[in-house]
Structure formats: structure tokens, C-alpha cells
PDB file of all heavy atoms in Angstrom:
ATOM      1  N   ARG A   1     -11.941  13.141 -21.355  1.00  0.00           N
ATOM      2  CA  ARG A   1     -11.936  14.371 -20.566  1.00  0.00           C
ATOM      3  C   ARG A   1     -13.211  14.469 -19.739  1.00  0.00           C
ATOM      4  O   ARG A   1     -14.242  13.921 -20.111  1.00  0.00           O
ATOM      5  CB  ARG A   1     -11.849  15.602 -21.469  1.00  0.00           C
ATOM      6  CG  ARG A   1     -10.677  15.614 -22.408  1.00  0.00           C
ATOM      7  CD  ARG A   1     -10.674  16.882 -23.222  1.00  0.00           C
ATOM      8  NE  ARG A   1      -9.657  16.857 -24.269  1.00  0.00           N
ATOM      9  CZ  ARG A   1      -9.342  17.893 -25.021  1.00  0.00           C
ATOM     10  NH1 ARG A   1      -9.973  19.032 -24.858  1.00  0.00           N
ATOM     11  NH2 ARG A   1      -8.401  17.795 -25.936  1.00  0.00           N
ATOM     12  N   ALA A   2     -13.131  15.215 -18.640  1.00  0.00           N
ATOM     13  CA  ALA A   2     -14.299  15.511 -17.813  1.00  0.00           C
ATOM     14  C   ALA A   2     -14.102  16.879 -17.175  1.00  0.00           C
ATOM     15  O   ALA A   2     -12.974  17.341 -17.011  1.00  0.00           O
ATOM     16  CB  ALA A   2     -14.506  14.431 -16.747  1.00  0.00           C
ATOM     17  N   LYS A   3     -15.217  17.514 -16.819  1.00  0.00           N
ATOM     18  CA  LYS A   3     -15.164  18.862 -16.248  1.00  0.00           C
ATOM     19  C   LYS A   3     -16.260  19.004 -15.205  1.00  0.00           C
ATOM     20  O   LYS A   3     -17.369  18.484 -15.380  1.00  0.00           O
ATOM     21  CB  LYS A   3     -15.337  19.906 -17.357  1.00  0.00           C
ATOM     22  CG  LYS A   3     -15.408  21.345 -16.890  1.00  0.00           C
ATOM     23  CD  LYS A   3     -15.648  22.263 -18.076  1.00  0.00           C
ATOM     24  CE  LYS A   3     -15.880  23.712 -17.649  1.00  0.00           C
ATOM     25  NZ  LYS A   3     -16.148  24.599 -18.813  1.00  0.00           N
ATOM     26  N   SER A   4     -15.957  19.712 -14.116  1.00  0.00           N
ATOM     27  CA  SER A   4     -16.940  19.951 -13.071  1.00  0.00           C
ATOM     28  C   SER A   4     -16.628  21.275 -12.390  1.00  0.00           C
ATOM     29  O   SER A   4     -15.489  21.746 -12.419  1.00  0.00           O
ATOM     30  CB  SER A   4     -16.925  18.811 -12.049  1.00  0.00           C
ATOM     31  OG  SER A   4     -17.893  19.023 -11.033  1.00  0.00           O
ATOM     32  N   ALA A   5     -17.630  21.862 -11.776  1.00  0.00           N
ATOM     33  CA  ALA A   5     -17.422  23.106 -11.023  1.00  0.00           C
ATOM     34  C   ALA A   5     -16.618  22.822  -9.758  1.00  0.00           C
ATOM     35  O   ALA A   5     -16.758  21.763  -9.147  1.00  0.00           O
ATOM     36  CB  ALA A   5     -18.763  23.728 -10.664  1.00  0.00           C
ATOM     37  N   THR A   6     -15.764  23.769  -9.382  1.00  0.00           N
ATOM     38  CA  THR A   6     -14.986  23.647  -8.147  1.00  0.00           C
ATOM     39  C   THR A   6     -15.824  24.171  -6.996  1.00  0.00           C
ATOM     40  O   THR A   6     -15.896  25.375  -6.758  1.00  0.00           O
ATOM     41  CB  THR A   6     -13.671  24.441  -8.257  1.00  0.00           C
ATOM     42  OG1 THR A   6     -12.995  24.075  -9.451  1.00  0.00           O
ATOM     43  CG2 THR A   6     -12.768  24.160  -7.073  1.00  0.00           C
ATOM     44  N   LYS A   7     -16.474  23.260  -6.291  1.00  0.00           N
ATOM     45  CA  LYS A   7     -17.369  23.659  -5.201  1.00  0.00           C
ATOM     46  C   LYS A   7     -17.092  22.832  -3.950  1.00  0.00           C
ATOM     47  O   LYS A   7     -16.820  21.639  -4.036  1.00  0.00           O
ATOM     48  CB  LYS A   7     -18.835  23.456  -5.612  1.00  0.00           C
ATOM     49  CG  LYS A   7     -19.318  24.373  -6.720  1.00  0.00           C
ATOM     50  CD  LYS A   7     -20.784  24.119  -7.014  1.00  0.00           C
ATOM     51  CE  LYS A   7     -21.300  25.051  -8.107  1.00  0.00           C
ATOM     52  NZ  LYS A   7     -22.736  24.800  -8.404  1.00  0.00           N
ATOM     53  N   GLY A   8     -17.164  23.495  -2.794  1.00  0.00           N
ATOM     54  CA  GLY A   8     -17.077  22.774  -1.540  1.00  0.00           C
ATOM     55  C   GLY A   8     -15.711  22.830  -0.894  1.00  0.00           C
ATOM     56  O   GLY A   8     -14.796  23.538  -1.325  1.00  0.00           O
ATOM     57  N   SER A   9     -15.568  22.042   0.150  1.00  0.00           N
ATOM     58  CA  SER A   9     -14.327  21.952   0.916  1.00  0.00           C
ATOM     59  C   SER A   9     -13.291  21.141   0.136  1.00  0.00           C
ATOM     60  O   SER A   9     -13.615  20.500  -0.878  1.00  0.00           O
ATOM     61  CB  SER A   9     -14.608  21.254   2.241  1.00  0.00           C
ATOM     62  OG  SER A   9     -14.960  19.895   2.017  1.00  0.00           O
ATOM     63  N   PRO A  10     -12.043  21.132   0.591  1.00  0.00           N
ATOM     64  CA  PRO A  10     -11.033  20.306  -0.077  1.00  0.00           C
ATOM     65  C   PRO A  10     -11.437  18.833  -0.170  1.00  0.00           C
ATOM     66  O   PRO A  10     -11.213  18.192  -1.206  1.00  0.00           O
ATOM     67  CB  PRO A  10      -9.796  20.497   0.810  1.00  0.00           C
ATOM     68  CG  PRO A  10      -9.958  21.858   1.383  1.00  0.00           C
ATOM     69  CD  PRO A  10     -11.426  22.003   1.630  1.00  0.00           C
ATOM     70  N   VAL A  11     -12.052  18.305   0.877  1.00  0.00           N
ATOM     71  CA  VAL A  11     -12.476  16.894   0.850  1.00  0.00           C
ATOM     72  C   VAL A  11     -13.567  16.692  -0.193  1.00  0.00           C
ATOM     73  O   VAL A  11     -13.557  15.704  -0.947  1.00  0.00           O
ATOM     74  CB  VAL A  11     -12.976  16.449   2.242  1.00  0.00           C
ATOM     75  CG1 VAL A  11     -13.596  15.055   2.174  1.00  0.00           C
ATOM     76  CG2 VAL A  11     -11.827  16.466   3.245  1.00  0.00           C
ATOM     77  N   GLU A  12     -14.500  17.637  -0.276  1.00  0.00           N
ATOM     78  CA  GLU A  12     -15.580  17.528  -1.263  1.00  0.00           C
ATOM     79  C   GLU A  12     -15.047  17.637  -2.681  1.00  0.00           C
ATOM     80  O   GLU A  12     -15.482  16.903  -3.581  1.00  0.00           O
ATOM     81  CB  GLU A  12     -16.632  18.609  -0.997  1.00  0.00           C
ATOM     82  CG  GLU A  12     -17.430  18.377   0.280  1.00  0.00           C
ATOM     83  CD  GLU A  12     -18.303  19.563   0.643  1.00  0.00           C
ATOM     84  OE1 GLU A  12     -17.868  20.718   0.426  1.00  0.00           O
ATOM     85  OE2 GLU A  12     -19.409  19.338   1.167  1.00  0.00           O
ATOM     86  N   VAL A  13     -14.109  18.537  -2.898  1.00  0.00           N
ATOM     87  CA  VAL A  13     -13.525  18.677  -4.236  1.00  0.00           C
ATOM     88  C   VAL A  13     -12.724  17.429  -4.608  1.00  0.00           C
ATOM     89  O   VAL A  13     -12.793  16.946  -5.731  1.00  0.00           O
ATOM     90  CB  VAL A  13     -12.645  19.943  -4.310  1.00  0.00           C
ATOM     91  CG1 VAL A  13     -11.901  19.998  -5.648  1.00  0.00           C
ATOM     92  CG2 VAL A  13     -13.500  21.196  -4.144  1.00  0.00           C
ATOM     93  N   ALA A  14     -11.974  16.894  -3.650  1.00  0.00           N
ATOM     94  CA  ALA A  14     -11.215  15.664  -3.901  1.00  0.00           C
ATOM     95  C   ALA A  14     -12.154  14.514  -4.256  1.00  0.00           C
ATOM     96  O   ALA A  14     -11.860  13.706  -5.150  1.00  0.00           O
ATOM     97  CB  ALA A  14     -10.375  15.305  -2.674  1.00  0.00           C
ATOM     98  N   THR A  15     -13.291  14.436  -3.584  1.00  0.00           N
ATOM     99  CA  THR A  15     -14.276  13.389  -3.875  1.00  0.00           C
ATOM    100  C   THR A  15     -14.849  13.571  -5.273  1.00  0.00           C
ATOM    101  O   THR A  15     -15.036  12.591  -6.017  1.00  0.00           O
ATOM    102  CB  THR A  15     -15.405  13.418  -2.831  1.00  0.00           C
ATOM    103  OG1 THR A  15     -14.844  13.230  -1.523  1.00  0.00           O
ATOM    104  CG2 THR A  15     -16.422  12.320  -3.092  1.00  0.00           C
ATOM    105  N   THR A  16     -15.123  14.810  -5.652  1.00  0.00           N
ATOM    106  CA  THR A  16     -15.593  15.102  -7.003  1.00  0.00           C
ATOM    107  C   THR A  16     -14.566  14.661  -8.035  1.00  0.00           C
ATOM    108  O   THR A  16     -14.902  14.070  -9.063  1.00  0.00           O
ATOM    109  CB  THR A  16     -15.887  16.604  -7.164  1.00  0.00           C
ATOM    110  OG1 THR A  16     -16.943  16.980  -6.283  1.00  0.00           O
ATOM    111  CG2 THR A  16     -16.275  16.948  -8.596  1.00  0.00           C
ATOM    112  N   MET A  17     -13.299  14.940  -7.753  1.00  0.00           N
ATOM    113  CA  MET A  17     -12.232  14.573  -8.682  1.00  0.00           C
ATOM    114  C   MET A  17     -12.114  13.056  -8.832  1.00  0.00           C
ATOM    115  O   MET A  17     -11.882  12.548  -9.935  1.00  0.00           O
ATOM    116  CB  MET A  17     -10.916  15.190  -8.221  1.00  0.00           C
ATOM    117  CG  MET A  17     -10.897  16.704  -8.367  1.00  0.00           C
ATOM    118  SD  MET A  17      -9.519  17.526  -7.527  1.00  0.00           S
ATOM    119  CE  MET A  17      -8.112  16.873  -8.398  1.00  0.00           C
ATOM    120  N   ALA A  18     -12.285  12.328  -7.748  1.00  0.00           N
ATOM    121  CA  ALA A  18     -12.239  10.872  -7.830  1.00  0.00           C
ATOM    122  C   ALA A  18     -13.372  10.356  -8.704  1.00  0.00           C
ATOM    123  O   ALA A  18     -13.184   9.420  -9.499  1.00  0.00           O
ATOM    124  CB  ALA A  18     -12.327  10.270  -6.424  1.00  0.00           C
ATOM    125  N   GLY A  19     -14.545  10.980  -8.577  1.00  0.00           N
ATOM    126  CA  GLY A  19     -15.666  10.593  -9.431  1.00  0.00           C
ATOM    127  C   GLY A  19     -15.402  10.906 -10.896  1.00  0.00           C
ATOM    128  O   GLY A  19     -15.762  10.121 -11.791  1.00  0.00           O
ATOM    129  N   MET A  20     -14.765  12.042 -11.174  1.00  0.00           N
ATOM    130  CA  MET A  20     -14.413  12.403 -12.546  1.00  0.00           C
ATOM    131  C   MET A  20     -13.421  11.405 -13.128  1.00  0.00           C
ATOM    132  O   MET A  20     -13.505  11.032 -14.307  1.00  0.00           O
ATOM    133  CB  MET A  20     -13.829  13.819 -12.584  1.00  0.00           C
ATOM    134  CG  MET A  20     -14.806  14.902 -12.182  1.00  0.00           C
ATOM    135  SD  MET A  20     -13.987  16.497 -11.903  1.00  0.00           S
ATOM    136  CE  MET A  20     -13.413  16.870 -13.557  1.00  0.00           C
ATOM    137  N   ALA A  21     -12.479  10.969 -12.289  1.00  0.00           N
ATOM    138  CA  ALA A  21     -11.490   9.990 -12.741  1.00  0.00           C
ATOM    139  C   ALA A  21     -12.171   8.694 -13.155  1.00  0.00           C
ATOM    140  O   ALA A  21     -11.885   8.121 -14.224  1.00  0.00           O
ATOM    141  CB  ALA A  21     -10.468   9.724 -11.645  1.00  0.00           C
ATOM    142  N   ASP A  22     -13.100   8.229 -12.311  1.00  0.00           N
ATOM    143  CA  ASP A  22     -13.818   6.992 -12.638  1.00  0.00           C
ATOM    144  C   ASP A  22     -14.664   7.160 -13.899  1.00  0.00           C
ATOM    145  O   ASP A  22     -14.800   6.236 -14.703  1.00  0.00           O
ATOM    146  CB  ASP A  22     -14.699   6.573 -11.459  1.00  0.00           C
ATOM    147  CG  ASP A  22     -13.884   6.012 -10.295  1.00  0.00           C
ATOM    148  OD1 ASP A  22     -12.768   5.508 -10.544  1.00  0.00           O
ATOM    149  OD2 ASP A  22     -14.355   6.084  -9.148  1.00  0.00           O
ATOM    150  N   GLU A  23     -15.237   8.347 -14.075  1.00  0.00           N
ATOM    151  CA  GLU A  23     -16.025   8.636 -15.277  1.00  0.00           C
ATOM    152  C   GLU A  23     -15.163   8.513 -16.537  1.00  0.00           C
ATOM    153  O   GLU A  23     -15.567   7.905 -17.533  1.00  0.00           O
ATOM    154  CB  GLU A  23     -16.614  10.045 -15.169  1.00  0.00           C
ATOM    155  CG  GLU A  23     -17.378  10.509 -16.394  1.00  0.00           C
ATOM    156  CD  GLU A  23     -17.802  11.970 -16.285  1.00  0.00           C
ATOM    157  OE1 GLU A  23     -17.905  12.485 -15.141  1.00  0.00           O
ATOM    158  OE2 GLU A  23     -18.025  12.604 -17.333  1.00  0.00           O
ATOM    159  N   CYS A  24     -13.964   9.091 -16.484  1.00  0.00           N
ATOM    160  CA  CYS A  24     -13.054   9.012 -17.634  1.00  0.00           C
ATOM    161  C   CYS A  24     -12.616   7.567 -17.898  1.00  0.00           C
ATOM    162  O   CYS A  24     -12.544   7.127 -19.051  1.00  0.00           O
ATOM    163  CB  CYS A  24     -11.830   9.890 -17.393  1.00  0.00           C
ATOM    164  SG  CYS A  24     -12.121  11.667 -17.555  1.00  0.00           S
ATOM    165  N   LEU A  25     -12.335   6.843 -16.835  1.00  0.00           N
ATOM    166  CA  LEU A  25     -11.901   5.459 -16.994  1.00  0.00           C
ATOM    167  C   LEU A  25     -13.004   4.597 -17.599  1.00  0.00           C
ATOM    168  O   LEU A  25     -12.755   3.773 -18.482  1.00  0.00           O
ATOM    169  CB  LEU A  25     -11.449   4.895 -15.649  1.00  0.00           C
ATOM    170  CG  LEU A  25     -10.132   5.447 -15.096  1.00  0.00           C
ATOM    171  CD1 LEU A  25      -9.932   5.034 -13.646  1.00  0.00           C
ATOM    172  CD2 LEU A  25      -8.956   4.980 -15.949  1.00  0.00           C
ATOM    173  N   ARG A  26     -14.245   4.777 -17.120  1.00  0.00           N
ATOM    174  CA  ARG A  26     -15.361   4.011 -17.678  1.00  0.00           C
ATOM    175  C   ARG A  26     -15.546   4.312 -19.156  1.00  0.00           C
ATOM    176  O   ARG A  26     -15.744   3.405 -19.974  1.00  0.00           O
ATOM    177  CB  ARG A  26     -16.650   4.333 -16.925  1.00  0.00           C
ATOM    178  CG  ARG A  26     -16.792   3.649 -15.579  1.00  0.00           C
ATOM    179  CD  ARG A  26     -18.222   3.733 -15.072  1.00  0.00           C
ATOM    180  NE  ARG A  26     -18.678   5.110 -14.947  1.00  0.00           N
ATOM    181  CZ  ARG A  26     -18.530   5.850 -13.847  1.00  0.00           C
ATOM    182  NH1 ARG A  26     -17.926   5.331 -12.787  1.00  0.00           N
ATOM    183  NH2 ARG A  26     -18.987   7.080 -13.809  1.00  0.00           N
ATOM    184  N   ALA A  27     -15.480   5.594 -19.520  1.00  0.00           N
ATOM    185  CA  ALA A  27     -15.674   5.983 -20.917  1.00  0.00           C
ATOM    186  C   ALA A  27     -14.584   5.417 -21.815  1.00  0.00           C
ATOM    187  O   ALA A  27     -14.817   5.147 -22.998  1.00  0.00           O
ATOM    188  CB  ALA A  27     -15.712   7.512 -21.027  1.00  0.00           C
ATOM    189  N   ALA A  28     -13.386   5.243 -21.248  1.00  0.00           N
ATOM    190  CA  ALA A  28     -12.264   4.713 -22.034  1.00  0.00           C
ATOM    191  C   ALA A  28     -12.200   3.187 -21.975  1.00  0.00           C
ATOM    192  O   ALA A  28     -11.341   2.581 -22.625  1.00  0.00           O
ATOM    193  CB  ALA A  28     -10.955   5.304 -21.528  1.00  0.00           C
ATOM    194  N   GLY A  29     -13.087   2.583 -21.198  1.00  0.00           N
ATOM    195  CA  GLY A  29     -13.045   1.127 -21.043  1.00  0.00           C
ATOM    196  C   GLY A  29     -11.803   0.666 -20.317  1.00  0.00           C
ATOM    197  O   GLY A  29     -11.276  -0.419 -20.584  1.00  0.00           O
TER     198      GLY A  29
END
């Protein structure tokens, strides 16, 4: 799991979400 504040424009939020996805994937190997 990962959590982040919803801040910025749609593009900025989408970019944050992509980073969260990579964070979860790395943690799960």
C-alpha cells in the first residue's frame, strides 16, 4: 500500500500516482 496527499493539477496527481505505483512494485519485488 501507499498513500499521498491529493495536490496539484490532474497531470501532477497522475504523476504522483505513477510514482506510488512504482513504490508499491519495488516494495513487493
